[in-house]
Every structure is written in C-alpha cells, then in structure tokens.
Amino acid sequence: MLTLQAHSADDYHNALRAHSTVLVDFYKDQCPGCRMLDLALGQVATTPAAADVVLLKVKLETVGEAFFRELGLRQTPTLTLIRDGREVQRMAGYQSPAQIGAVLAPE
C-alpha cells in the first residue's frame, strides 16, 4: 500500500484523480482513536487486499476544519474508500484490521 499525504484540498483532489482506489484516512494529532487506527492500517498495508490501494492521509490541522466540514465529516478518525473518483464506503471511528480488510476486498 502506497501512502501519500494531502497538505491541501488540491492534494486531496489530485490524488483521487491520479489513483483508481484510494483509502482516505482523515485524522488529527491529539486523537487516541486515530493513533489506534494507524496501527490497524499498518497491519492491513501488507495484505493482498491492500496491494493496489493508495492510502491518503489527510490531517485536520493541516488542511483545515472547513475542508472537513465540506466533505461532511463529523469525527476523526474517519476512513473513506474512493473507487474511480466515487466514494463507495465511509467508516467513522476506529476500525479493526479485519474490518478494513473486508472493505478493501475486491468487489
């Protein structure tokens, strides 16, 4: 799993255009659930289900709260799975490696 960082709304949109399957991790620094989710993502990253997935990390403190609200995000952490530019799954809160792997499995 290739990991990218979005430092702006443009970075976010460019990554979605450039890659067919993107798992977006919306997080913030002082969030215990976000740190736990990061560990779960690390376990999933080496699995076959994650082979063609790009992980895009989007930090609230960097891109700003207005951008998060624009996307309808209500909490961190939140994962969204984007396939071919379209959101197909949104998961709020901590997700286990098994939950993440199940979402990444080919349709």
PDB file of N, CA and C in Angstrom:
ATOM      1  N   MET A   1       0.856  -1.175   0.000  1.00  0.00           N
ATOM      2  CA  MET A   1       0.000   0.000   0.000  1.00  0.00           C
ATOM      3  C   MET A   1       0.901   1.236   0.000  1.00  0.00           C
ATOM      4  N   LEU A   2       0.759   2.020  -1.032  1.00  0.00           N
ATOM      5  CA  LEU A   2       1.473   3.284  -1.131  1.00  0.00           C
ATOM      6  C   LEU A   2       0.778   4.305  -0.231  1.00  0.00           C
ATOM      7  N   THR A   3       1.548   5.060   0.563  1.00  0.00           N
ATOM      8  CA  THR A   3       0.977   6.075   1.445  1.00  0.00           C
ATOM      9  C   THR A   3       1.367   7.465   0.961  1.00  0.00           C
ATOM     10  N   LEU A   4       0.359   8.329   0.816  1.00  0.00           N
ATOM     11  CA  LEU A   4       0.559   9.722   0.413  1.00  0.00           C
ATOM     12  C   LEU A   4      -0.014  10.637   1.497  1.00  0.00           C
ATOM     13  N   GLN A   5       0.470  11.875   1.540  1.00  0.00           N
ATOM     14  CA  GLN A   5      -0.040  12.891   2.454  1.00  0.00           C
ATOM     15  C   GLN A   5      -0.694  14.005   1.643  1.00  0.00           C
ATOM     16  N   ALA A   6      -1.876  14.431   2.060  1.00  0.00           N
ATOM     17  CA  ALA A   6      -2.524  15.588   1.426  1.00  0.00           C
ATOM     18  C   ALA A   6      -2.309  16.786   2.347  1.00  0.00           C
ATOM     19  N   HIS A   7      -1.664  17.808   1.821  1.00  0.00           N
ATOM     20  CA  HIS A   7      -1.405  19.018   2.596  1.00  0.00           C
ATOM     21  C   HIS A   7      -2.390  20.130   2.266  1.00  0.00           C
ATOM     22  N   SER A   8      -3.255  19.869   1.281  1.00  0.00           N
ATOM     23  CA  SER A   8      -4.245  20.870   0.866  1.00  0.00           C
ATOM     24  C   SER A   8      -5.417  20.158   0.196  1.00  0.00           C
ATOM     25  N   ALA A   9      -6.484  20.888  -0.029  1.00  0.00           N
ATOM     26  CA  ALA A   9      -7.638  20.332  -0.747  1.00  0.00           C
ATOM     27  C   ALA A   9      -7.220  19.922  -2.160  1.00  0.00           C
ATOM     28  N   ASP A  10      -6.331  20.694  -2.782  1.00  0.00           N
ATOM     29  CA  ASP A  10      -5.851  20.340  -4.124  1.00  0.00           C
ATOM     30  C   ASP A  10      -5.110  19.007  -4.116  1.00  0.00           C
ATOM     31  N   ASP A  11      -4.261  18.781  -3.101  1.00  0.00           N
ATOM     32  CA  ASP A  11      -3.559  17.495  -2.988  1.00  0.00           C
ATOM     33  C   ASP A  11      -4.563  16.351  -2.899  1.00  0.00           C
ATOM     34  N   TYR A  12      -5.602  16.539  -2.115  1.00  0.00           N
ATOM     35  CA  TYR A  12      -6.645  15.522  -1.934  1.00  0.00           C
ATOM     36  C   TYR A  12      -7.304  15.195  -3.275  1.00  0.00           C
ATOM     37  N   HIS A  13      -7.776  16.222  -3.973  1.00  0.00           N
ATOM     38  CA  HIS A  13      -8.468  16.017  -5.244  1.00  0.00           C
ATOM     39  C   HIS A  13      -7.538  15.432  -6.315  1.00  0.00           C
ATOM     40  N   ASN A  14      -6.289  15.879  -6.340  1.00  0.00           N
ATOM     41  CA  ASN A  14      -5.324  15.352  -7.308  1.00  0.00           C
ATOM     42  C   ASN A  14      -5.057  13.863  -7.070  1.00  0.00           C
ATOM     43  N   ALA A  15      -4.951  13.458  -5.813  1.00  0.00           N
ATOM     44  CA  ALA A  15      -4.715  12.048  -5.501  1.00  0.00           C
ATOM     45  C   ALA A  15      -5.901  11.192  -5.936  1.00  0.00           C
ATOM     46  N   LEU A  16      -7.109  11.699  -5.739  1.00  0.00           N
ATOM     47  CA  LEU A  16      -8.294  10.938  -6.142  1.00  0.00           C
ATOM     48  C   LEU A  16      -8.355  10.787  -7.663  1.00  0.00           C
ATOM     49  N   ARG A  17      -7.905  11.803  -8.378  1.00  0.00           N
ATOM     50  CA  ARG A  17      -7.886  11.724  -9.851  1.00  0.00           C
ATOM     51  C   ARG A  17      -6.781  10.799 -10.351  1.00  0.00           C
ATOM     52  N   ALA A  18      -5.660  10.751  -9.651  1.00  0.00           N
ATOM     53  CA  ALA A  18      -4.485  10.020 -10.119  1.00  0.00           C
ATOM     54  C   ALA A  18      -4.520   8.516  -9.822  1.00  0.00           C
ATOM     55  N   HIS A  19      -5.337   8.095  -8.865  1.00  0.00           N
ATOM     56  CA  HIS A  19      -5.332   6.692  -8.439  1.00  0.00           C
ATOM     57  C   HIS A  19      -6.748   6.132  -8.445  1.00  0.00           C
ATOM     58  N   SER A  20      -6.888   4.896  -8.902  1.00  0.00           N
ATOM     59  CA  SER A  20      -8.236   4.320  -9.039  1.00  0.00           C
ATOM     60  C   SER A  20      -8.851   3.899  -7.709  1.00  0.00           C
ATOM     61  N   THR A  21      -8.037   3.435  -6.751  1.00  0.00           N
ATOM     62  CA  THR A  21      -8.565   3.033  -5.448  1.00  0.00           C
ATOM     63  C   THR A  21      -7.773   3.736  -4.354  1.00  0.00           C
ATOM     64  N   VAL A  22      -8.465   4.590  -3.604  1.00  0.00           N
ATOM     65  CA  VAL A  22      -7.825   5.377  -2.559  1.00  0.00           C
ATOM     66  C   VAL A  22      -8.585   5.174  -1.254  1.00  0.00           C
ATOM     67  N   LEU A  23      -7.853   4.803  -0.211  1.00  0.00           N
ATOM     68  CA  LEU A  23      -8.406   4.744   1.131  1.00  0.00           C
ATOM     69  C   LEU A  23      -7.935   6.012   1.830  1.00  0.00           C
ATOM     70  N   VAL A  24      -8.871   6.887   2.184  1.00  0.00           N
ATOM     71  CA  VAL A  24      -8.522   8.172   2.776  1.00  0.00           C
ATOM     72  C   VAL A  24      -8.683   8.078   4.289  1.00  0.00           C
ATOM     73  N   ASP A  25      -7.624   8.434   4.989  1.00  0.00           N
ATOM     74  CA  ASP A  25      -7.611   8.449   6.452  1.00  0.00           C
ATOM     75  C   ASP A  25      -7.649   9.904   6.904  1.00  0.00           C
ATOM     76  N   PHE A  26      -8.806  10.341   7.379  1.00  0.00           N
ATOM     77  CA  PHE A  26      -8.967  11.687   7.925  1.00  0.00           C
ATOM     78  C   PHE A  26      -8.682  11.597   9.421  1.00  0.00           C
ATOM     79  N   TYR A  27      -7.691  12.349   9.881  1.00  0.00           N
ATOM     80  CA  TYR A  27      -7.257  12.221  11.271  1.00  0.00           C
ATOM     81  C   TYR A  27      -6.795  13.567  11.824  1.00  0.00           C
ATOM     82  N   LYS A  28      -6.524  13.567  13.145  1.00  0.00           N
ATOM     83  CA  LYS A  28      -5.881  14.716  13.774  1.00  0.00           C
ATOM     84  C   LYS A  28      -4.885  14.217  14.803  1.00  0.00           C
ATOM     85  N   ASP A  29      -3.960  15.076  15.202  1.00  0.00           N
ATOM     86  CA  ASP A  29      -2.852  14.664  16.060  1.00  0.00           C
ATOM     87  C   ASP A  29      -3.290  14.169  17.436  1.00  0.00           C
ATOM     88  N   GLN A  30      -4.096  14.922  18.124  1.00  0.00           N
ATOM     89  CA  GLN A  30      -4.462  14.591  19.506  1.00  0.00           C
ATOM     90  C   GLN A  30      -5.710  13.716  19.567  1.00  0.00           C
ATOM     91  N   CYS A  31      -5.680  12.597  18.889  1.00  0.00           N
ATOM     92  CA  CYS A  31      -6.843  11.716  18.769  1.00  0.00           C
ATOM     93  C   CYS A  31      -6.394  10.277  19.044  1.00  0.00           C
ATOM     94  N   PRO A  32      -6.727   9.734  20.224  1.00  0.00           N
ATOM     95  CA  PRO A  32      -6.317   8.364  20.535  1.00  0.00           C
ATOM     96  C   PRO A  32      -6.834   7.340  19.526  1.00  0.00           C
ATOM     97  N   GLY A  33      -8.066   7.493  19.071  1.00  0.00           N
ATOM     98  CA  GLY A  33      -8.626   6.578  18.079  1.00  0.00           C
ATOM     99  C   GLY A  33      -7.853   6.621  16.772  1.00  0.00           C
ATOM    100  N   CYS A  34      -7.362   7.804  16.428  1.00  0.00           N
ATOM    101  CA  CYS A  34      -6.573   7.956  15.190  1.00  0.00           C
ATOM    102  C   CYS A  34      -5.260   7.191  15.293  1.00  0.00           C
ATOM    103  N   ARG A  35      -4.630   7.239  16.448  1.00  0.00           N
ATOM    104  CA  ARG A  35      -3.372   6.509  16.638  1.00  0.00           C
ATOM    105  C   ARG A  35      -3.613   5.002  16.584  1.00  0.00           C
ATOM    106  N   MET A  36      -4.711   4.551  17.181  1.00  0.00           N
ATOM    107  CA  MET A  36      -5.048   3.123  17.128  1.00  0.00           C
ATOM    108  C   MET A  36      -5.344   2.692  15.694  1.00  0.00           C
ATOM    109  N   LEU A  37      -6.066   3.549  14.956  1.00  0.00           N
ATOM    110  CA  LEU A  37      -6.382   3.238  13.567  1.00  0.00           C
ATOM    111  C   LEU A  37      -5.113   3.155  12.732  1.00  0.00           C
ATOM    112  N   ASP A  38      -4.151   4.000  13.022  1.00  0.00           N
ATOM    113  CA  ASP A  38      -2.882   3.984  12.297  1.00  0.00           C
ATOM    114  C   ASP A  38      -2.190   2.627  12.448  1.00  0.00           C
ATOM    115  N   LEU A  39      -2.250   2.053  13.631  1.00  0.00           N
ATOM    116  CA  LEU A  39      -1.673   0.726  13.859  1.00  0.00           C
ATOM    117  C   LEU A  39      -2.419  -0.331  13.048  1.00  0.00           C
ATOM    118  N   ALA A  40      -3.746  -0.234  13.020  1.00  0.00           N
ATOM    119  CA  ALA A  40      -4.552  -1.176  12.241  1.00  0.00           C
ATOM    120  C   ALA A  40      -4.231  -1.060  10.754  1.00  0.00           C
ATOM    121  N   LEU A  41      -4.090   0.174  10.266  1.00  0.00           N
ATOM    122  CA  LEU A  41      -3.752   0.386   8.852  1.00  0.00           C
ATOM    123  C   LEU A  41      -2.384  -0.221   8.527  1.00  0.00           C
ATOM    124  N   GLY A  42      -1.455  -0.131   9.465  1.00  0.00           N
ATOM    125  CA  GLY A  42      -0.133  -0.721   9.271  1.00  0.00           C
ATOM    126  C   GLY A  42      -0.205  -2.229   9.092  1.00  0.00           C
ATOM    127  N   GLN A  43      -1.110  -2.863   9.814  1.00  0.00           N
ATOM    128  CA  GLN A  43      -1.277  -4.313   9.682  1.00  0.00           C
ATOM    129  C   GLN A  43      -1.917  -4.672   8.345  1.00  0.00           C
ATOM    130  N   VAL A  44      -2.838  -3.861   7.886  1.00  0.00           N
ATOM    131  CA  VAL A  44      -3.549  -4.132   6.631  1.00  0.00           C
ATOM    132  C   VAL A  44      -2.664  -3.846   5.424  1.00  0.00           C
ATOM    133  N   ALA A  45      -1.736  -2.925   5.555  1.00  0.00           N
ATOM    134  CA  ALA A  45      -0.932  -2.441   4.427  1.00  0.00           C
ATOM    135  C   ALA A  45      -0.185  -3.546   3.692  1.00  0.00           C
ATOM    136  N   THR A  46       0.170  -4.611   4.373  1.00  0.00           N
ATOM    137  CA  THR A  46       0.961  -5.669   3.746  1.00  0.00           C
ATOM    138  C   THR A  46       0.117  -6.841   3.249  1.00  0.00           C
ATOM    139  N   THR A  47      -1.192  -6.729   3.345  1.00  0.00           N
ATOM    140  CA  THR A  47      -2.067  -7.821   2.920  1.00  0.00           C
ATOM    141  C   THR A  47      -2.350  -7.731   1.418  1.00  0.00           C
ATOM    142  N   PRO A  48      -2.723  -8.856   0.798  1.00  0.00           N
ATOM    143  CA  PRO A  48      -3.057  -8.832  -0.628  1.00  0.00           C
ATOM    144  C   PRO A  48      -4.200  -7.864  -0.967  1.00  0.00           C
ATOM    145  N   ALA A  49      -5.160  -7.698  -0.069  1.00  0.00           N
ATOM    146  CA  ALA A  49      -6.292  -6.801  -0.338  1.00  0.00           C
ATOM    147  C   ALA A  49      -5.845  -5.352  -0.514  1.00  0.00           C
ATOM    148  N   ALA A  50      -4.706  -4.993   0.081  1.00  0.00           N
ATOM    149  CA  ALA A  50      -4.224  -3.609   0.030  1.00  0.00           C
ATOM    150  C   ALA A  50      -3.221  -3.362  -1.091  1.00  0.00           C
ATOM    151  N   ALA A  51      -2.929  -4.380  -1.879  1.00  0.00           N
ATOM    152  CA  ALA A  51      -1.861  -4.287  -2.879  1.00  0.00           C
ATOM    153  C   ALA A  51      -2.037  -3.133  -3.864  1.00  0.00           C
ATOM    154  N   ASP A  52      -3.235  -2.905  -4.350  1.00  0.00           N
ATOM    155  CA  ASP A  52      -3.462  -1.860  -5.356  1.00  0.00           C
ATOM    156  C   ASP A  52      -4.138  -0.619  -4.787  1.00  0.00           C
ATOM    157  N   VAL A  53      -4.072  -0.472  -3.470  1.00  0.00           N
ATOM    158  CA  VAL A  53      -4.748   0.639  -2.793  1.00  0.00           C
ATOM    159  C   VAL A  53      -3.726   1.692  -2.394  1.00  0.00           C
ATOM    160  N   VAL A  54      -4.090   2.946  -2.584  1.00  0.00           N
ATOM    161  CA  VAL A  54      -3.277   4.065  -2.111  1.00  0.00           C
ATOM    162  C   VAL A  54      -3.922   4.577  -0.832  1.00  0.00           C
ATOM    163  N   LEU A  55      -3.129   4.708   0.229  1.00  0.00           N
ATOM    164  CA  LEU A  55      -3.593   5.297   1.483  1.00  0.00           C
ATOM    165  C   LEU A  55      -3.268   6.783   1.449  1.00  0.00           C
ATOM    166  N   LEU A  56      -4.286   7.595   1.545  1.00  0.00           N
ATOM    167  CA  LEU A  56      -4.110   9.051   1.543  1.00  0.00           C
ATOM    168  C   LEU A  56      -4.409   9.574   2.934  1.00  0.00           C
ATOM    169  N   LYS A  57      -3.393  10.109   3.597  1.00  0.00           N
ATOM    170  CA  LYS A  57      -3.530  10.638   4.949  1.00  0.00           C
ATOM    171  C   LYS A  57      -3.871  12.129   4.846  1.00  0.00           C
ATOM    172  N   VAL A  58      -4.979  12.524   5.498  1.00  0.00           N
ATOM    173  CA  VAL A  58      -5.428  13.920   5.472  1.00  0.00           C
ATOM    174  C   VAL A  58      -5.584  14.388   6.918  1.00  0.00           C
ATOM    175  N   LYS A  59      -4.694  15.281   7.346  1.00  0.00           N
ATOM    176  CA  LYS A  59      -4.688  15.745   8.735  1.00  0.00           C
ATOM    177  C   LYS A  59      -5.498  17.026   8.878  1.00  0.00           C
ATOM    178  N   LEU A  60      -6.436  17.004   9.825  1.00  0.00           N
ATOM    179  CA  LEU A  60      -7.321  18.148  10.085  1.00  0.00           C
ATOM    180  C   LEU A  60      -6.526  19.427  10.315  1.00  0.00           C
ATOM    181  N   GLU A  61      -5.481  19.351  11.133  1.00  0.00           N
ATOM    182  CA  GLU A  61      -4.713  20.550  11.467  1.00  0.00           C
ATOM    183  C   GLU A  61      -4.002  21.145  10.252  1.00  0.00           C
ATOM    184  N   THR A  62      -3.772  20.340   9.219  1.00  0.00           N
ATOM    185  CA  THR A  62      -3.073  20.818   8.024  1.00  0.00           C
ATOM    186  C   THR A  62      -4.036  21.378   6.982  1.00  0.00           C
ATOM    187  N   VAL A  63      -5.091  20.643   6.666  1.00  0.00           N
ATOM    188  CA  VAL A  63      -5.995  21.083   5.593  1.00  0.00           C
ATOM    189  C   VAL A  63      -7.115  21.982   6.095  1.00  0.00           C
ATOM    190  N   GLY A  64      -7.379  21.968   7.380  1.00  0.00           N
ATOM    191  CA  GLY A  64      -8.361  22.880   7.949  1.00  0.00           C
ATOM    192  C   GLY A  64      -9.734  22.264   8.165  1.00  0.00           C
ATOM    193  N   GLU A  65     -10.390  22.750   9.184  1.00  0.00           N
ATOM    194  CA  GLU A  65     -11.704  22.246   9.566  1.00  0.00           C
ATOM    195  C   GLU A  65     -12.763  22.525   8.504  1.00  0.00           C
ATOM    196  N   ALA A  66     -12.652  23.642   7.802  1.00  0.00           N
ATOM    197  CA  ALA A  66     -13.643  23.981   6.770  1.00  0.00           C
ATOM    198  C   ALA A  66     -13.672  22.909   5.678  1.00  0.00           C
ATOM    199  N   PHE A  67     -12.510  22.402   5.301  1.00  0.00           N
ATOM    200  CA  PHE A  67     -12.449  21.350   4.279  1.00  0.00           C
ATOM    201  C   PHE A  67     -13.121  20.079   4.786  1.00  0.00           C
ATOM    202  N   PHE A  68     -12.867  19.714   6.036  1.00  0.00           N
ATOM    203  CA  PHE A  68     -13.503  18.530   6.628  1.00  0.00           C
ATOM    204  C   PHE A  68     -15.022  18.686   6.606  1.00  0.00           C
ATOM    205  N   ARG A  69     -15.519  19.842   6.991  1.00  0.00           N
ATOM    206  CA  ARG A  69     -16.971  20.076   7.007  1.00  0.00           C
ATOM    207  C   ARG A  69     -17.559  20.020   5.595  1.00  0.00           C
ATOM    208  N   GLU A  70     -16.814  20.543   4.620  1.00  0.00           N
ATOM    209  CA  GLU A  70     -17.243  20.497   3.217  1.00  0.00           C
ATOM    210  C   GLU A  70     -17.511  19.065   2.764  1.00  0.00           C
ATOM    211  N   LEU A  71     -16.702  18.136   3.274  1.00  0.00           N
ATOM    212  CA  LEU A  71     -16.837  16.730   2.910  1.00  0.00           C
ATOM    213  C   LEU A  71     -17.869  15.998   3.768  1.00  0.00           C
ATOM    214  N   GLY A  72     -18.467  16.715   4.714  1.00  0.00           N
ATOM    215  CA  GLY A  72     -19.474  16.100   5.573  1.00  0.00           C
ATOM    216  C   GLY A  72     -18.903  15.246   6.684  1.00  0.00           C
ATOM    217  N   LEU A  73     -17.654  15.473   7.021  1.00  0.00           N
ATOM    218  CA  LEU A  73     -17.029  14.690   8.090  1.00  0.00           C
ATOM    219  C   LEU A  73     -17.432  15.242   9.444  1.00  0.00           C
ATOM    220  N   ARG A  74     -17.759  14.338  10.361  1.00  0.00           N
ATOM    221  CA  ARG A  74     -18.207  14.742  11.679  1.00  0.00           C
ATOM    222  C   ARG A  74     -17.245  14.354  12.789  1.00  0.00           C
ATOM    223  N   GLN A  75     -16.341  13.419  12.509  1.00  0.00           N
ATOM    224  CA  GLN A  75     -15.417  12.989  13.550  1.00  0.00           C
ATOM    225  C   GLN A  75     -14.133  12.454  12.947  1.00  0.00           C
ATOM    226  N   THR A  76     -13.122  12.379  13.803  1.00  0.00           N
ATOM    227  CA  THR A  76     -11.887  11.705  13.445  1.00  0.00           C
ATOM    228  C   THR A  76     -11.712  10.569  14.438  1.00  0.00           C
ATOM    229  N   PRO A  77     -11.174   9.458  13.998  1.00  0.00           N
ATOM    230  CA  PRO A  77     -10.813   9.180  12.613  1.00  0.00           C
ATOM    231  C   PRO A  77     -12.030   8.821  11.773  1.00  0.00           C
ATOM    232  N   THR A  78     -11.899   9.063  10.490  1.00  0.00           N
ATOM    233  CA  THR A  78     -12.871   8.592   9.504  1.00  0.00           C
ATOM    234  C   THR A  78     -12.079   8.085   8.305  1.00  0.00           C
ATOM    235  N   LEU A  79     -12.465   6.909   7.828  1.00  0.00           N
ATOM    236  CA  LEU A  79     -11.894   6.355   6.601  1.00  0.00           C
ATOM    237  C   LEU A  79     -12.943   6.438   5.509  1.00  0.00           C
ATOM    238  N   THR A  80     -12.524   6.804   4.314  1.00  0.00           N
ATOM    239  CA  THR A  80     -13.412   6.705   3.159  1.00  0.00           C
ATOM    240  C   THR A  80     -12.684   5.919   2.077  1.00  0.00           C
ATOM    241  N   LEU A  81     -13.422   5.068   1.409  1.00  0.00           N
ATOM    242  CA  LEU A  81     -12.869   4.316   0.295  1.00  0.00           C
ATOM    243  C   LEU A  81     -13.403   4.929  -0.984  1.00  0.00           C
ATOM    244  N   ILE A  82     -12.492   5.365  -1.844  1.00  0.00           N
ATOM    245  CA  ILE A  82     -12.833   6.001  -3.105  1.00  0.00           C
ATOM    246  C   ILE A  82     -12.394   5.083  -4.237  1.00  0.00           C
ATOM    247  N   ARG A  83     -13.325   4.690  -5.078  1.00  0.00           N
ATOM    248  CA  ARG A  83     -13.005   3.884  -6.262  1.00  0.00           C
ATOM    249  C   ARG A  83     -13.407   4.679  -7.500  1.00  0.00           C
ATOM    250  N   ASP A  84     -12.450   4.890  -8.389  1.00  0.00           N
ATOM    251  CA  ASP A  84     -12.687   5.639  -9.630  1.00  0.00           C
ATOM    252  C   ASP A  84     -13.349   6.988  -9.365  1.00  0.00           C
ATOM    253  N   GLY A  85     -12.863   7.693  -8.332  1.00  0.00           N
ATOM    254  CA  GLY A  85     -13.337   9.037  -8.021  1.00  0.00           C
ATOM    255  C   GLY A  85     -14.654   9.120  -7.283  1.00  0.00           C
ATOM    256  N   ARG A  86     -15.217   7.969  -6.906  1.00  0.00           N
ATOM    257  CA  ARG A  86     -16.524   7.953  -6.246  1.00  0.00           C
ATOM    258  C   ARG A  86     -16.408   7.299  -4.870  1.00  0.00           C
ATOM    259  N   GLU A  87     -16.950   7.956  -3.857  1.00  0.00           N
ATOM    260  CA  GLU A  87     -16.931   7.380  -2.518  1.00  0.00           C
ATOM    261  C   GLU A  87     -17.868   6.180  -2.475  1.00  0.00           C
ATOM    262  N   VAL A  88     -17.329   5.025  -2.074  1.00  0.00           N
ATOM    263  CA  VAL A  88     -18.132   3.806  -2.003  1.00  0.00           C
ATOM    264  C   VAL A  88     -18.335   3.325  -0.567  1.00  0.00           C
ATOM    265  N   GLN A  89     -17.532   3.842   0.363  1.00  0.00           N
ATOM    266  CA  GLN A  89     -17.661   3.416   1.762  1.00  0.00           C
ATOM    267  C   GLN A  89     -17.125   4.505   2.665  1.00  0.00           C
ATOM    268  N   ARG A  90     -17.820   4.738   3.790  1.00  0.00           N
ATOM    269  CA  ARG A  90     -17.354   5.679   4.812  1.00  0.00           C
ATOM    270  C   ARG A  90     -17.455   4.980   6.153  1.00  0.00           C
ATOM    271  N   MET A  91     -16.361   5.013   6.898  1.00  0.00           N
ATOM    272  CA  MET A  91     -16.305   4.338   8.189  1.00  0.00           C
ATOM    273  C   MET A  91     -15.796   5.313   9.245  1.00  0.00           C
ATOM    274  N   ALA A  92     -16.666   5.703  10.156  1.00  0.00           N
ATOM    275  CA  ALA A  92     -16.300   6.643  11.213  1.00  0.00           C
ATOM    276  C   ALA A  92     -15.819   5.880  12.437  1.00  0.00           C
ATOM    277  N   GLY A  93     -14.815   6.434  13.103  1.00  0.00           N
ATOM    278  CA  GLY A  93     -14.286   5.818  14.308  1.00  0.00           C
ATOM    279  C   GLY A  93     -13.241   4.763  14.004  1.00  0.00           C
ATOM    280  N   TYR A  94     -12.754   4.144  15.077  1.00  0.00           N
ATOM    281  CA  TYR A  94     -11.735   3.104  14.941  1.00  0.00           C
ATOM    282  C   TYR A  94     -12.292   1.921  14.161  1.00  0.00           C
ATOM    283  N   GLN A  95     -11.481   1.371  13.278  1.00  0.00           N
ATOM    284  CA  GLN A  95     -11.822   0.168  12.517  1.00  0.00           C
ATOM    285  C   GLN A  95     -10.705  -0.851  12.731  1.00  0.00           C
ATOM    286  N   SER A  96     -11.077  -2.102  12.962  1.00  0.00           N
ATOM    287  CA  SER A  96     -10.078  -3.153  13.166  1.00  0.00           C
ATOM    288  C   SER A  96      -9.438  -3.520  11.823  1.00  0.00           C
ATOM    289  N   PRO A  97      -8.272  -4.189  11.866  1.00  0.00           N
ATOM    290  CA  PRO A  97      -7.668  -4.648  10.615  1.00  0.00           C
ATOM    291  C   PRO A  97      -8.631  -5.516   9.798  1.00  0.00           C
ATOM    292  N   ALA A  98      -9.408  -6.367  10.471  1.00  0.00           N
ATOM    293  CA  ALA A  98     -10.359  -7.233   9.754  1.00  0.00           C
ATOM    294  C   ALA A  98     -11.446  -6.411   9.061  1.00  0.00           C
ATOM    295  N   GLN A  99     -11.938  -5.377   9.728  1.00  0.00           N
ATOM    296  CA  GLN A  99     -12.963  -4.519   9.127  1.00  0.00           C
ATOM    297  C   GLN A  99     -12.417  -3.785   7.909  1.00  0.00           C
ATOM    298  N   ILE A 100     -11.209  -3.264   8.024  1.00  0.00           N
ATOM    299  CA  ILE A 100     -10.591  -2.540   6.904  1.00  0.00           C
ATOM    300  C   ILE A 100     -10.336  -3.498   5.742  1.00  0.00           C
ATOM    301  N   GLY A 101      -9.805  -4.666   6.042  1.00  0.00           N
ATOM    302  CA  GLY A 101      -9.520  -5.662   5.006  1.00  0.00           C
ATOM    303  C   GLY A 101     -10.783  -6.075   4.255  1.00  0.00           C
ATOM    304  N   ALA A 102     -11.889  -6.221   4.988  1.00  0.00           N
ATOM    305  CA  ALA A 102     -13.151  -6.619   4.353  1.00  0.00           C
ATOM    306  C   ALA A 102     -13.635  -5.557   3.375  1.00  0.00           C
ATOM    307  N   VAL A 103     -13.429  -4.297   3.705  1.00  0.00           N
ATOM    308  CA  VAL A 103     -13.855  -3.204   2.831  1.00  0.00           C
ATOM    309  C   VAL A 103     -12.971  -3.127   1.590  1.00  0.00           C
ATOM    310  N   LEU A 104     -11.703  -3.448   1.746  1.00  0.00           N
ATOM    311  CA  LEU A 104     -10.761  -3.375   0.617  1.00  0.00           C
ATOM    312  C   LEU A 104     -10.863  -4.550  -0.336  1.00  0.00           C
ATOM    313  N   ALA A 105     -11.469  -5.633   0.116  1.00  0.00           N
ATOM    314  CA  ALA A 105     -11.558  -6.830  -0.720  1.00  0.00           C
ATOM    315  C   ALA A 105     -12.235  -6.496  -2.043  1.00  0.00           C
ATOM    316  N   PRO A 106     -11.725  -7.050  -3.132  1.00  0.00           N
ATOM    317  CA  PRO A 106     -12.309  -6.758  -4.452  1.00  0.00           C
ATOM    318  C   PRO A 106     -13.799  -7.105  -4.488  1.00  0.00           C
ATOM    319  N   GLU A 107     -14.514  -6.299  -5.217  1.00  0.00           N
ATOM    320  CA  GLU A 107     -15.969  -6.471  -5.302  1.00  0.00           C
ATOM    321  C   GLU A 107     -16.331  -7.653  -6.154  1.00  0.00           C
TER     322      GLU A 107
END
